[in-house]
């Protein structure tokens, strides 16, 4: 009945003089769907809706699984559910828009509302290939397989031009050696380094957690000089100046980590790398309207290759914590 009501509303708005674009916005439909609804008369629409009720849809075999996820985690996004269907059920036969529509219907039918928060910081100029990488930290509380809640920490990297992402997690706040190791892992993951690295001076230069400095200025300065990259410091409490990485940290936390069950850090990092390949760097980016991995393929040849850093035990290990 809900779909029939929408069709009736579309016809009524058209009779009131609204243009197709305005109807699409008011009804949260695509213009193609509006045109399709306008071509149907009321009796035809009733028959069409009745046929939809008995038609087997591609996601119907997974309805019980999806409902279980939604009831346990009402804040799940359609993007997460699409990724979980891929990861847990090896199902990739529908696009994200189809999943969104299916989830919306399930939420309405079973009264599972979703609380939405919006925070967007990406009013930042576009930069040329190989110019800049942004870095930031995040933390999140997650549930273990034993039912306990723990806090884990992430360092996230994003290439400003292609939006190609990399992230590493660990079970304690980052210290200097952790950060340098992750920088090396990121350079290895990207196949080189950018000319410039941008980060938040408050977090990387002065903030301490649990009594340990995240960055010791003297050691990091020596590392920077040996590696030869430039540093751009964001203004304190000014997330707009590093909007790309603000969005990446949020994306990694909310799309990958949120509602996922933690077993141990090695498998968690393996899952994160698989998610980056499957989702984080694959799906079309909202700003550049392209898949990051495709843009990265063109950007990668511009990176400067760096010899291995001399810090002991700084080696690339995809499963490192």
C-alpha atoms as a PDB file:
ATOM      1  CA  UNK A   1       0.000   0.000   0.000  1.00  0.00           C
ATOM      2  CA  UNK A   2       2.877   2.357   0.716  1.00  0.00           C
ATOM      3  CA  UNK A   3       4.106   2.243  -2.900  1.00  0.00           C
ATOM      4  CA  UNK A   4       0.554   2.807  -4.151  1.00  0.00           C
ATOM      5  CA  UNK A   5       0.256   5.868  -1.922  1.00  0.00           C
ATOM      6  CA  UNK A   6       3.466   7.251  -3.402  1.00  0.00           C
ATOM      7  CA  UNK A   7       2.141   6.742  -6.946  1.00  0.00           C
ATOM      8  CA  UNK A   8      -1.076   8.572  -6.023  1.00  0.00           C
ATOM      9  CA  UNK A   9       0.948  11.402  -4.446  1.00  0.00           C
ATOM     10  CA  UNK A  10       3.059  11.711  -7.614  1.00  0.00           C
ATOM     11  CA  UNK A  11      -0.093  12.086  -9.760  1.00  0.00           C
ATOM     12  CA  UNK A  12      -1.565  14.617  -7.342  1.00  0.00           C
ATOM     13  CA  UNK A  13       1.568  16.763  -7.330  1.00  0.00           C
ATOM     14  CA  UNK A  14       1.657  16.677 -11.118  1.00  0.00           C
ATOM     15  CA  UNK A  15      -1.959  17.867 -11.261  1.00  0.00           C
ATOM     16  CA  UNK A  16      -1.028  20.692  -8.888  1.00  0.00           C
ATOM     17  CA  UNK A  17       1.529  21.917 -11.407  1.00  0.00           C
ATOM     18  CA  UNK A  18       4.771  20.628  -9.893  1.00  0.00           C
ATOM     19  CA  UNK A  19       7.554  19.790 -12.316  1.00  0.00           C
ATOM     20  CA  UNK A  20       9.114  16.322 -12.374  1.00  0.00           C
ATOM     21  CA  UNK A  21      12.307  17.487 -10.640  1.00  0.00           C
ATOM     22  CA  UNK A  22      10.285  19.024  -7.794  1.00  0.00           C
ATOM     23  CA  UNK A  23       8.159  15.878  -7.463  1.00  0.00           C
ATOM     24  CA  UNK A  24      11.300  13.755  -7.315  1.00  0.00           C
ATOM     25  CA  UNK A  25      12.683  15.887  -4.463  1.00  0.00           C
ATOM     26  CA  UNK A  26       9.422  15.921  -2.508  1.00  0.00           C
ATOM     27  CA  UNK A  27       8.885  12.157  -2.821  1.00  0.00           C
ATOM     28  CA  UNK A  28      12.577  11.204  -2.542  1.00  0.00           C
ATOM     29  CA  UNK A  29      12.460   9.466  -5.917  1.00  0.00           C
ATOM     30  CA  UNK A  30      14.593   9.551  -9.022  1.00  0.00           C
ATOM     31  CA  UNK A  31      13.196  11.453 -12.013  1.00  0.00           C
ATOM     32  CA  UNK A  32      13.088   8.187 -13.970  1.00  0.00           C
ATOM     33  CA  UNK A  33      10.841   6.669 -11.299  1.00  0.00           C
ATOM     34  CA  UNK A  34       8.583   9.739 -11.322  1.00  0.00           C
ATOM     35  CA  UNK A  35       8.140   9.427 -15.093  1.00  0.00           C
ATOM     36  CA  UNK A  36       7.402   5.717 -14.657  1.00  0.00           C
ATOM     37  CA  UNK A  37       4.754   6.409 -11.991  1.00  0.00           C
ATOM     38  CA  UNK A  38       3.132   9.125 -14.106  1.00  0.00           C
ATOM     39  CA  UNK A  39       2.662   6.668 -16.959  1.00  0.00           C
ATOM     40  CA  UNK A  40       0.490   4.428 -14.784  1.00  0.00           C
ATOM     41  CA  UNK A  41      -3.202   5.044 -14.104  1.00  0.00           C
ATOM     42  CA  UNK A  42      -4.692   4.196 -10.726  1.00  0.00           C
ATOM     43  CA  UNK A  43      -6.056   0.736 -11.623  1.00  0.00           C
ATOM     44  CA  UNK A  44      -2.835  -0.215 -13.359  1.00  0.00           C
ATOM     45  CA  UNK A  45      -0.869   0.977 -10.324  1.00  0.00           C
ATOM     46  CA  UNK A  46      -3.002  -1.248  -8.065  1.00  0.00           C
ATOM     47  CA  UNK A  47      -2.290  -4.295 -10.239  1.00  0.00           C
ATOM     48  CA  UNK A  48       1.407  -3.423 -10.351  1.00  0.00           C
ATOM     49  CA  UNK A  49       1.647  -3.128  -6.556  1.00  0.00           C
ATOM     50  CA  UNK A  50      -0.164  -6.459  -6.133  1.00  0.00           C
ATOM     51  CA  UNK A  51       2.347  -8.110  -8.477  1.00  0.00           C
ATOM     52  CA  UNK A  52       5.224  -6.651  -6.466  1.00  0.00           C
ATOM     53  CA  UNK A  53       3.867  -8.308  -3.323  1.00  0.00           C
ATOM     54  CA  UNK A  54       4.220 -11.798  -4.778  1.00  0.00           C
ATOM     55  CA  UNK A  55       7.422 -11.212  -6.770  1.00  0.00           C
ATOM     56  CA  UNK A  56      10.579 -12.778  -5.387  1.00  0.00           C
ATOM     57  CA  UNK A  57      13.277 -10.141  -5.017  1.00  0.00           C
ATOM     58  CA  UNK A  58      16.991 -10.833  -4.999  1.00  0.00           C
ATOM     59  CA  UNK A  59      17.395  -9.770  -1.372  1.00  0.00           C
ATOM     60  CA  UNK A  60      14.428 -11.776  -0.064  1.00  0.00           C
ATOM     61  CA  UNK A  61      16.518 -14.891   0.731  1.00  0.00           C
ATOM     62  CA  UNK A  62      18.599 -12.702   3.066  1.00  0.00           C
ATOM     63  CA  UNK A  63      15.659 -10.908   4.704  1.00  0.00           C
ATOM     64  CA  UNK A  64      15.905 -12.870   7.965  1.00  0.00           C
ATOM     65  CA  UNK A  65      19.641 -12.185   8.190  1.00  0.00           C
ATOM     66  CA  UNK A  66      19.202  -8.486   7.416  1.00  0.00           C
ATOM     67  CA  UNK A  67      16.385  -8.115   9.949  1.00  0.00           C
ATOM     68  CA  UNK A  68      18.576  -9.733  12.579  1.00  0.00           C
ATOM     69  CA  UNK A  69      21.322  -7.216  11.867  1.00  0.00           C
ATOM     70  CA  UNK A  70      18.890  -4.274  11.971  1.00  0.00           C
ATOM     71  CA  UNK A  71      17.252  -5.385  15.214  1.00  0.00           C
ATOM     72  CA  UNK A  72      20.612  -5.894  16.895  1.00  0.00           C
ATOM     73  CA  UNK A  73      22.124  -2.704  15.426  1.00  0.00           C
ATOM     74  CA  UNK A  74      19.346  -0.213  14.505  1.00  0.00           C
ATOM     75  CA  UNK A  75      21.953   2.356  13.471  1.00  0.00           C
ATOM     76  CA  UNK A  76      23.324   0.165  10.647  1.00  0.00           C
ATOM     77  CA  UNK A  77      23.626   1.958   7.331  1.00  0.00           C
ATOM     78  CA  UNK A  78      22.577   0.410   4.034  1.00  0.00           C
ATOM     79  CA  UNK A  79      26.207   0.715   2.949  1.00  0.00           C
ATOM     80  CA  UNK A  80      27.319  -1.428   5.899  1.00  0.00           C
ATOM     81  CA  UNK A  81      24.629  -4.012   5.199  1.00  0.00           C
ATOM     82  CA  UNK A  82      25.682  -4.149   1.554  1.00  0.00           C
ATOM     83  CA  UNK A  83      29.266  -4.749   2.659  1.00  0.00           C
ATOM     84  CA  UNK A  84      28.253  -7.401   5.214  1.00  0.00           C
ATOM     85  CA  UNK A  85      26.237  -9.236   2.563  1.00  0.00           C
ATOM     86  CA  UNK A  86      29.391  -9.311   0.452  1.00  0.00           C
ATOM     87  CA  UNK A  87      31.677 -10.324   3.330  1.00  0.00           C
ATOM     88  CA  UNK A  88      29.437 -12.822   5.123  1.00  0.00           C
ATOM     89  CA  UNK A  89      27.240 -14.165   2.317  1.00  0.00           C
ATOM     90  CA  UNK A  90      29.379 -13.521  -0.789  1.00  0.00           C
ATOM     91  CA  UNK A  91      26.363 -11.755  -2.301  1.00  0.00           C
ATOM     92  CA  UNK A  92      27.091  -8.912  -4.735  1.00  0.00           C
ATOM     93  CA  UNK A  93      24.261  -9.168  -7.265  1.00  0.00           C
ATOM     94  CA  UNK A  94      22.545  -5.867  -6.379  1.00  0.00           C
ATOM     95  CA  UNK A  95      23.780  -2.298  -6.277  1.00  0.00           C
ATOM     96  CA  UNK A  96      23.762  -0.017  -3.237  1.00  0.00           C
ATOM     97  CA  UNK A  97      20.618   1.836  -4.325  1.00  0.00           C
ATOM     98  CA  UNK A  98      18.664  -1.435  -4.384  1.00  0.00           C
ATOM     99  CA  UNK A  99      19.932  -2.294  -0.906  1.00  0.00           C
ATOM    100  CA  UNK A 100      18.957   1.179   0.346  1.00  0.00           C
ATOM    101  CA  UNK A 101      15.413   0.811  -0.985  1.00  0.00           C
ATOM    102  CA  UNK A 102      15.067  -2.681   0.501  1.00  0.00           C
ATOM    103  CA  UNK A 103      16.375  -1.553   3.913  1.00  0.00           C
ATOM    104  CA  UNK A 104      14.054   1.449   3.887  1.00  0.00           C
ATOM    105  CA  UNK A 105      11.054  -0.829   3.314  1.00  0.00           C
ATOM    106  CA  UNK A 106      12.138  -3.210   6.081  1.00  0.00           C
ATOM    107  CA  UNK A 107      12.593  -0.338   8.527  1.00  0.00           C
ATOM    108  CA  UNK A 108       9.108   0.982   7.727  1.00  0.00           C
ATOM    109  CA  UNK A 109       7.441  -2.432   7.829  1.00  0.00           C
ATOM    110  CA  UNK A 110       9.082  -3.595  11.082  1.00  0.00           C
ATOM    111  CA  UNK A 111       9.284  -0.139  12.720  1.00  0.00           C
ATOM    112  CA  UNK A 112      13.062  -0.005  13.060  1.00  0.00           C
ATOM    113  CA  UNK A 113      13.945   3.707  12.895  1.00  0.00           C
ATOM    114  CA  UNK A 114      17.483   4.885  12.342  1.00  0.00           C
ATOM    115  CA  UNK A 115      19.136   7.800  14.106  1.00  0.00           C
ATOM    116  CA  UNK A 116      21.132   9.812  11.581  1.00  0.00           C
ATOM    117  CA  UNK A 117      23.943  12.199  12.444  1.00  0.00           C
ATOM    118  CA  UNK A 118      25.548  14.416   9.843  1.00  0.00           C
ATOM    119  CA  UNK A 119      28.942  16.022   9.962  1.00  0.00           C
ATOM    120  CA  UNK A 120      30.729  16.880   6.764  1.00  0.00           C
ATOM    121  CA  UNK A 121      34.084  18.598   6.387  1.00  0.00           C
ATOM    122  CA  UNK A 122      35.288  18.548   2.826  1.00  0.00           C
ATOM    123  CA  UNK A 123      35.264  22.135   1.579  1.00  0.00           C
ATOM    124  CA  UNK A 124      38.932  21.744   0.679  1.00  0.00           C
ATOM    125  CA  UNK A 125      40.575  22.544  -2.642  1.00  0.00           C
ATOM    126  CA  UNK A 126      41.502  19.700  -4.961  1.00  0.00           C
ATOM    127  CA  UNK A 127      45.216  18.971  -5.212  1.00  0.00           C
ATOM    128  CA  UNK A 128      47.331  17.523  -8.045  1.00  0.00           C
ATOM    129  CA  UNK A 129      48.546  13.920  -8.231  1.00  0.00           C
ATOM    130  CA  UNK A 130      51.211  12.985  -5.705  1.00  0.00           C
ATOM    131  CA  UNK A 131      50.995  16.296  -3.857  1.00  0.00           C
ATOM    132  CA  UNK A 132      49.551  15.492  -0.448  1.00  0.00           C
ATOM    133  CA  UNK A 133      48.557  12.804   2.017  1.00  0.00           C
ATOM    134  CA  UNK A 134      46.466  13.544   5.119  1.00  0.00           C
ATOM    135  CA  UNK A 135      46.790  11.672   8.417  1.00  0.00           C
ATOM    136  CA  UNK A 136      44.640  11.566  11.534  1.00  0.00           C
ATOM    137  CA  UNK A 137      43.730   9.373  14.489  1.00  0.00           C
ATOM    138  CA  UNK A 138      40.470   8.002  15.814  1.00  0.00           C
ATOM    139  CA  UNK A 139      39.162   5.673  18.484  1.00  0.00           C
ATOM    140  CA  UNK A 140      36.001   3.654  18.970  1.00  0.00           C
ATOM    141  CA  UNK A 141      34.442   1.370  21.555  1.00  0.00           C
ATOM    142  CA  UNK A 142      33.499  -2.039  20.198  1.00  0.00           C
ATOM    143  CA  UNK A 143      32.182  -5.301  21.584  1.00  0.00           C
ATOM    144  CA  UNK A 144      34.387  -8.401  21.739  1.00  0.00           C
ATOM    145  CA  UNK A 145      33.232 -11.945  20.991  1.00  0.00           C
ATOM    146  CA  UNK A 146      33.141 -12.405  24.791  1.00  0.00           C
ATOM    147  CA  UNK A 147      30.563  -9.631  25.109  1.00  0.00           C
ATOM    148  CA  UNK A 148      32.969  -7.121  26.666  1.00  0.00           C
ATOM    149  CA  UNK A 149      33.444  -3.541  25.478  1.00  0.00           C
ATOM    150  CA  UNK A 150      36.945  -2.345  24.646  1.00  0.00           C
ATOM    151  CA  UNK A 151      38.423   0.758  23.049  1.00  0.00           C
ATOM    152  CA  UNK A 152      40.666   0.394  20.007  1.00  0.00           C
ATOM    153  CA  UNK A 153      42.629   3.040  18.115  1.00  0.00           C
ATOM    154  CA  UNK A 154      43.124   3.749  14.430  1.00  0.00           C
ATOM    155  CA  UNK A 155      45.487   5.815  12.336  1.00  0.00           C
ATOM    156  CA  UNK A 156      44.039   6.653   8.937  1.00  0.00           C
ATOM    157  CA  UNK A 157      45.707   7.942   5.771  1.00  0.00           C
ATOM    158  CA  UNK A 158      44.137   9.337   2.606  1.00  0.00           C
ATOM    159  CA  UNK A 159      45.679  10.604  -0.614  1.00  0.00           C
ATOM    160  CA  UNK A 160      44.200  14.042  -1.204  1.00  0.00           C
ATOM    161  CA  UNK A 161      43.965  13.648  -4.993  1.00  0.00           C
ATOM    162  CA  UNK A 162      42.582  10.114  -5.441  1.00  0.00           C
ATOM    163  CA  UNK A 163      41.000   9.634  -1.962  1.00  0.00           C
ATOM    164  CA  UNK A 164      42.771   6.259  -1.783  1.00  0.00           C
ATOM    165  CA  UNK A 165      42.743   5.191   1.864  1.00  0.00           C
ATOM    166  CA  UNK A 166      44.844   3.149   4.264  1.00  0.00           C
ATOM    167  CA  UNK A 167      44.270   2.426   7.966  1.00  0.00           C
ATOM    168  CA  UNK A 168      45.830   0.487  10.833  1.00  0.00           C
ATOM    169  CA  UNK A 169      44.385  -0.398  14.231  1.00  0.00           C
ATOM    170  CA  UNK A 170      45.862  -1.252  17.605  1.00  0.00           C
ATOM    171  CA  UNK A 171      44.646  -1.867  21.150  1.00  0.00           C
ATOM    172  CA  UNK A 172      46.525   1.016  22.812  1.00  0.00           C
ATOM    173  CA  UNK A 173      47.009   4.729  22.076  1.00  0.00           C
ATOM    174  CA  UNK A 174      49.661   5.409  19.459  1.00  0.00           C
ATOM    175  CA  UNK A 175      53.185   6.330  20.509  1.00  0.00           C
ATOM    176  CA  UNK A 176      56.068   7.593  18.389  1.00  0.00           C
ATOM    177  CA  UNK A 177      57.310   4.200  17.233  1.00  0.00           C
ATOM    178  CA  UNK A 178      53.782   3.087  16.347  1.00  0.00           C
ATOM    179  CA  UNK A 179      53.263   6.192  14.215  1.00  0.00           C
ATOM    180  CA  UNK A 180      56.565   5.854  12.360  1.00  0.00           C
ATOM    181  CA  UNK A 181      55.878   2.194  11.687  1.00  0.00           C
ATOM    182  CA  UNK A 182      52.450   3.039  10.295  1.00  0.00           C
ATOM    183  CA  UNK A 183      53.929   5.778   8.100  1.00  0.00           C
ATOM    184  CA  UNK A 184      56.294   3.208   6.626  1.00  0.00           C
ATOM    185  CA  UNK A 185      53.456   0.740   6.123  1.00  0.00           C
ATOM    186  CA  UNK A 186      51.405   3.413   4.386  1.00  0.00           C
ATOM    187  CA  UNK A 187      54.311   4.315   2.061  1.00  0.00           C
ATOM    188  CA  UNK A 188      54.688   0.621   1.207  1.00  0.00           C
ATOM    189  CA  UNK A 189      50.945   0.226   0.681  1.00  0.00           C
ATOM    190  CA  UNK A 190      50.890   3.212  -1.680  1.00  0.00           C
ATOM    191  CA  UNK A 191      54.123   2.278  -3.413  1.00  0.00           C
ATOM    192  CA  UNK A 192      55.813   5.572  -2.514  1.00  0.00           C
ATOM    193  CA  UNK A 193      55.161   8.838  -0.729  1.00  0.00           C
ATOM    194  CA  UNK A 194      53.624  12.215  -1.474  1.00  0.00           C
ATOM    195  CA  UNK A 195      55.479  15.530  -1.452  1.00  0.00           C
ATOM    196  CA  UNK A 196      53.548  16.774   1.563  1.00  0.00           C
ATOM    197  CA  UNK A 197      51.811  15.313   4.612  1.00  0.00           C
ATOM    198  CA  UNK A 198      49.098  17.213   6.432  1.00  0.00           C
ATOM    199  CA  UNK A 199      48.099  16.555  10.016  1.00  0.00           C
ATOM    200  CA  UNK A 200      46.669  18.162  13.135  1.00  0.00           C
ATOM    201  CA  UNK A 201      49.368  19.827  15.212  1.00  0.00           C
ATOM    202  CA  UNK A 202      47.414  19.382  18.450  1.00  0.00           C
ATOM    203  CA  UNK A 203      47.171  15.609  18.109  1.00  0.00           C
ATOM    204  CA  UNK A 204      50.576  14.926  16.660  1.00  0.00           C
ATOM    205  CA  UNK A 205      52.751  17.425  18.504  1.00  0.00           C
ATOM    206  CA  UNK A 206      51.375  18.190  21.970  1.00  0.00           C
ATOM    207  CA  UNK A 207      48.612  15.786  23.034  1.00  0.00           C
ATOM    208  CA  UNK A 208      49.430  12.965  25.455  1.00  0.00           C
ATOM    209  CA  UNK A 209      47.317   9.892  26.175  1.00  0.00           C
ATOM    210  CA  UNK A 210      47.892   7.637  29.199  1.00  0.00           C
ATOM    211  CA  UNK A 211      51.070   9.534  29.971  1.00  0.00           C
ATOM    212  CA  UNK A 212      52.772   8.839  26.629  1.00  0.00           C
ATOM    213  CA  UNK A 213      53.425  11.374  23.892  1.00  0.00           C
ATOM    214  CA  UNK A 214      51.893  10.432  20.558  1.00  0.00           C
ATOM    215  CA  UNK A 215      54.740  12.230  18.804  1.00  0.00           C
ATOM    216  CA  UNK A 216      58.146  13.224  20.185  1.00  0.00           C
ATOM    217  CA  UNK A 217      58.972  16.286  18.139  1.00  0.00           C
ATOM    218  CA  UNK A 218      62.712  15.683  17.929  1.00  0.00           C
ATOM    219  CA  UNK A 219      62.406  12.071  16.724  1.00  0.00           C
ATOM    220  CA  UNK A 220      59.673  12.894  14.254  1.00  0.00           C
ATOM    221  CA  UNK A 221      61.675  15.814  12.933  1.00  0.00           C
ATOM    222  CA  UNK A 222      64.638  13.477  12.290  1.00  0.00           C
ATOM    223  CA  UNK A 223      62.338  11.040  10.512  1.00  0.00           C
ATOM    224  CA  UNK A 224      60.826  13.803   8.384  1.00  0.00           C
ATOM    225  CA  UNK A 225      64.224  15.074   7.347  1.00  0.00           C
ATOM    226  CA  UNK A 226      65.469  11.629   6.351  1.00  0.00           C
ATOM    227  CA  UNK A 227      62.290  10.900   4.400  1.00  0.00           C
ATOM    228  CA  UNK A 228      62.311  14.329   2.777  1.00  0.00           C
ATOM    229  CA  UNK A 229      58.630  15.194   2.823  1.00  0.00           C
ATOM    230  CA  UNK A 230      57.101  18.541   3.768  1.00  0.00           C
ATOM    231  CA  UNK A 231      54.733  18.956   6.706  1.00  0.00           C
ATOM    232  CA  UNK A 232      51.593  21.060   6.639  1.00  0.00           C
ATOM    233  CA  UNK A 233      50.084  21.691  10.080  1.00  0.00           C
ATOM    234  CA  UNK A 234      46.353  22.319  10.362  1.00  0.00           C
ATOM    235  CA  UNK A 235      45.099  25.063  12.592  1.00  0.00           C
ATOM    236  CA  UNK A 236      44.014  23.898  16.021  1.00  0.00           C
ATOM    237  CA  UNK A 237      40.320  22.966  16.271  1.00  0.00           C
ATOM    238  CA  UNK A 238      39.858  23.620  12.558  1.00  0.00           C
ATOM    239  CA  UNK A 239      38.589  20.349  11.002  1.00  0.00           C
ATOM    240  CA  UNK A 240      37.514  22.148   7.814  1.00  0.00           C
ATOM    241  CA  UNK A 241      41.178  22.597   6.880  1.00  0.00           C
ATOM    242  CA  UNK A 242      41.651  18.814   6.758  1.00  0.00           C
ATOM    243  CA  UNK A 243      38.192  17.803   5.610  1.00  0.00           C
ATOM    244  CA  UNK A 244      39.251  14.780   3.549  1.00  0.00           C
ATOM    245  CA  UNK A 245      40.820  12.920   6.483  1.00  0.00           C
ATOM    246  CA  UNK A 246      38.006  13.959   8.862  1.00  0.00           C
ATOM    247  CA  UNK A 247      35.589  12.174   6.551  1.00  0.00           C
ATOM    248  CA  UNK A 248      37.903   9.162   6.158  1.00  0.00           C
ATOM    249  CA  UNK A 249      38.274   8.621   9.909  1.00  0.00           C
ATOM    250  CA  UNK A 250      34.488   8.830  10.261  1.00  0.00           C
ATOM    251  CA  UNK A 251      34.018   6.479   7.276  1.00  0.00           C
ATOM    252  CA  UNK A 252      36.449   3.851   8.630  1.00  0.00           C
ATOM    253  CA  UNK A 253      34.896   3.971  12.092  1.00  0.00           C
ATOM    254  CA  UNK A 254      31.242   3.996  11.023  1.00  0.00           C
ATOM    255  CA  UNK A 255      31.302   1.838   7.904  1.00  0.00           C
ATOM    256  CA  UNK A 256      33.936  -0.720   8.872  1.00  0.00           C
ATOM    257  CA  UNK A 257      34.301  -0.831  12.672  1.00  0.00           C
ATOM    258  CA  UNK A 258      30.873   0.094  14.020  1.00  0.00           C
ATOM    259  CA  UNK A 259      28.812  -2.950  15.150  1.00  0.00           C
ATOM    260  CA  UNK A 260      31.570  -5.367  14.077  1.00  0.00           C
ATOM    261  CA  UNK A 261      32.573  -8.020  16.646  1.00  0.00           C
ATOM    262  CA  UNK A 262      36.229  -7.926  17.711  1.00  0.00           C
ATOM    263  CA  UNK A 263      38.241 -11.154  18.087  1.00  0.00           C
ATOM    264  CA  UNK A 264      41.890 -10.127  17.992  1.00  0.00           C
ATOM    265  CA  UNK A 265      43.859  -7.285  16.445  1.00  0.00           C
ATOM    266  CA  UNK A 266      45.596  -9.236  13.665  1.00  0.00           C
ATOM    267  CA  UNK A 267      42.344 -10.533  12.190  1.00  0.00           C
ATOM    268  CA  UNK A 268      40.771  -7.087  12.716  1.00  0.00           C
ATOM    269  CA  UNK A 269      43.497  -5.467  10.584  1.00  0.00           C
ATOM    270  CA  UNK A 270      43.131  -8.186   7.950  1.00  0.00           C
ATOM    271  CA  UNK A 271      39.392  -7.513   7.812  1.00  0.00           C
ATOM    272  CA  UNK A 272      40.054  -3.777   7.514  1.00  0.00           C
ATOM    273  CA  UNK A 273      42.432  -4.248   4.581  1.00  0.00           C
ATOM    274  CA  UNK A 274      39.868  -6.499   2.880  1.00  0.00           C
ATOM    275  CA  UNK A 275      37.178  -3.874   3.514  1.00  0.00           C
ATOM    276  CA  UNK A 276      39.391  -1.160   1.995  1.00  0.00           C
ATOM    277  CA  UNK A 277      39.745  -3.232  -1.162  1.00  0.00           C
ATOM    278  CA  UNK A 278      36.106  -4.288  -1.256  1.00  0.00           C
ATOM    279  CA  UNK A 279      34.431  -1.065  -0.138  1.00  0.00           C
ATOM    280  CA  UNK A 280      36.600   1.759   1.168  1.00  0.00           C
ATOM    281  CA  UNK A 281      38.622   2.256  -1.997  1.00  0.00           C
ATOM    282  CA  UNK A 282      36.181   0.684  -4.436  1.00  0.00           C
ATOM    283  CA  UNK A 283      32.847   2.460  -4.118  1.00  0.00           C
ATOM    284  CA  UNK A 284      32.356   5.746  -5.976  1.00  0.00           C
ATOM    285  CA  UNK A 285      33.486   8.735  -3.902  1.00  0.00           C
ATOM    286  CA  UNK A 286      30.783  11.353  -3.369  1.00  0.00           C
ATOM    287  CA  UNK A 287      33.060  14.313  -4.100  1.00  0.00           C
ATOM    288  CA  UNK A 288      35.204  13.196  -7.034  1.00  0.00           C
ATOM    289  CA  UNK A 289      32.450  10.932  -8.462  1.00  0.00           C
ATOM    290  CA  UNK A 290      35.009   8.232  -9.269  1.00  0.00           C
ATOM    291  CA  UNK A 291      36.290   5.053  -7.652  1.00  0.00           C
ATOM    292  CA  UNK A 292      39.453   5.864  -5.639  1.00  0.00           C
ATOM    293  CA  UNK A 293      41.289   2.742  -6.833  1.00  0.00           C
ATOM    294  CA  UNK A 294      40.856   3.822 -10.462  1.00  0.00           C
ATOM    295  CA  UNK A 295      42.146   7.358  -9.799  1.00  0.00           C
ATOM    296  CA  UNK A 296      44.973   5.918  -7.672  1.00  0.00           C
ATOM    297  CA  UNK A 297      46.181   3.799 -10.610  1.00  0.00           C
ATOM    298  CA  UNK A 298      46.866   7.036 -12.496  1.00  0.00           C
ATOM    299  CA  UNK A 299      48.309   8.804  -9.462  1.00  0.00           C
ATOM    300  CA  UNK A 300      50.685   6.078  -8.252  1.00  0.00           C
ATOM    301  CA  UNK A 301      53.442   6.662 -10.867  1.00  0.00           C
ATOM    302  CA  UNK A 302      53.912  10.213  -9.510  1.00  0.00           C
ATOM    303  CA  UNK A 303      55.055   9.070  -6.054  1.00  0.00           C
ATOM    304  CA  UNK A 304      58.658   9.302  -5.025  1.00  0.00           C
ATOM    305  CA  UNK A 305      60.110   5.941  -4.019  1.00  0.00           C
ATOM    306  CA  UNK A 306      61.876   5.979  -0.662  1.00  0.00           C
ATOM    307  CA  UNK A 307      64.596   3.589   0.546  1.00  0.00           C
ATOM    308  CA  UNK A 308      63.809   1.554   3.672  1.00  0.00           C
ATOM    309  CA  UNK A 309      63.948   3.651   6.825  1.00  0.00           C
ATOM    310  CA  UNK A 310      66.690   2.781   9.306  1.00  0.00           C
ATOM    311  CA  UNK A 311      64.495   2.690  12.427  1.00  0.00           C
ATOM    312  CA  UNK A 312      64.731  -0.839  13.832  1.00  0.00           C
ATOM    313  CA  UNK A 313      61.735  -3.112  13.305  1.00  0.00           C
ATOM    314  CA  UNK A 314      59.965  -0.662  10.962  1.00  0.00           C
ATOM    315  CA  UNK A 315      58.888  -3.120   8.294  1.00  0.00           C
ATOM    316  CA  UNK A 316      55.767  -3.525   6.204  1.00  0.00           C
ATOM    317  CA  UNK A 317      53.431  -6.132   7.595  1.00  0.00           C
ATOM    318  CA  UNK A 318      49.810  -6.139   6.509  1.00  0.00           C
ATOM    319  CA  UNK A 319      48.815  -7.847   9.765  1.00  0.00           C
ATOM    320  CA  UNK A 320      50.799  -5.670  12.123  1.00  0.00           C
ATOM    321  CA  UNK A 321      48.999  -4.151  15.069  1.00  0.00           C
END
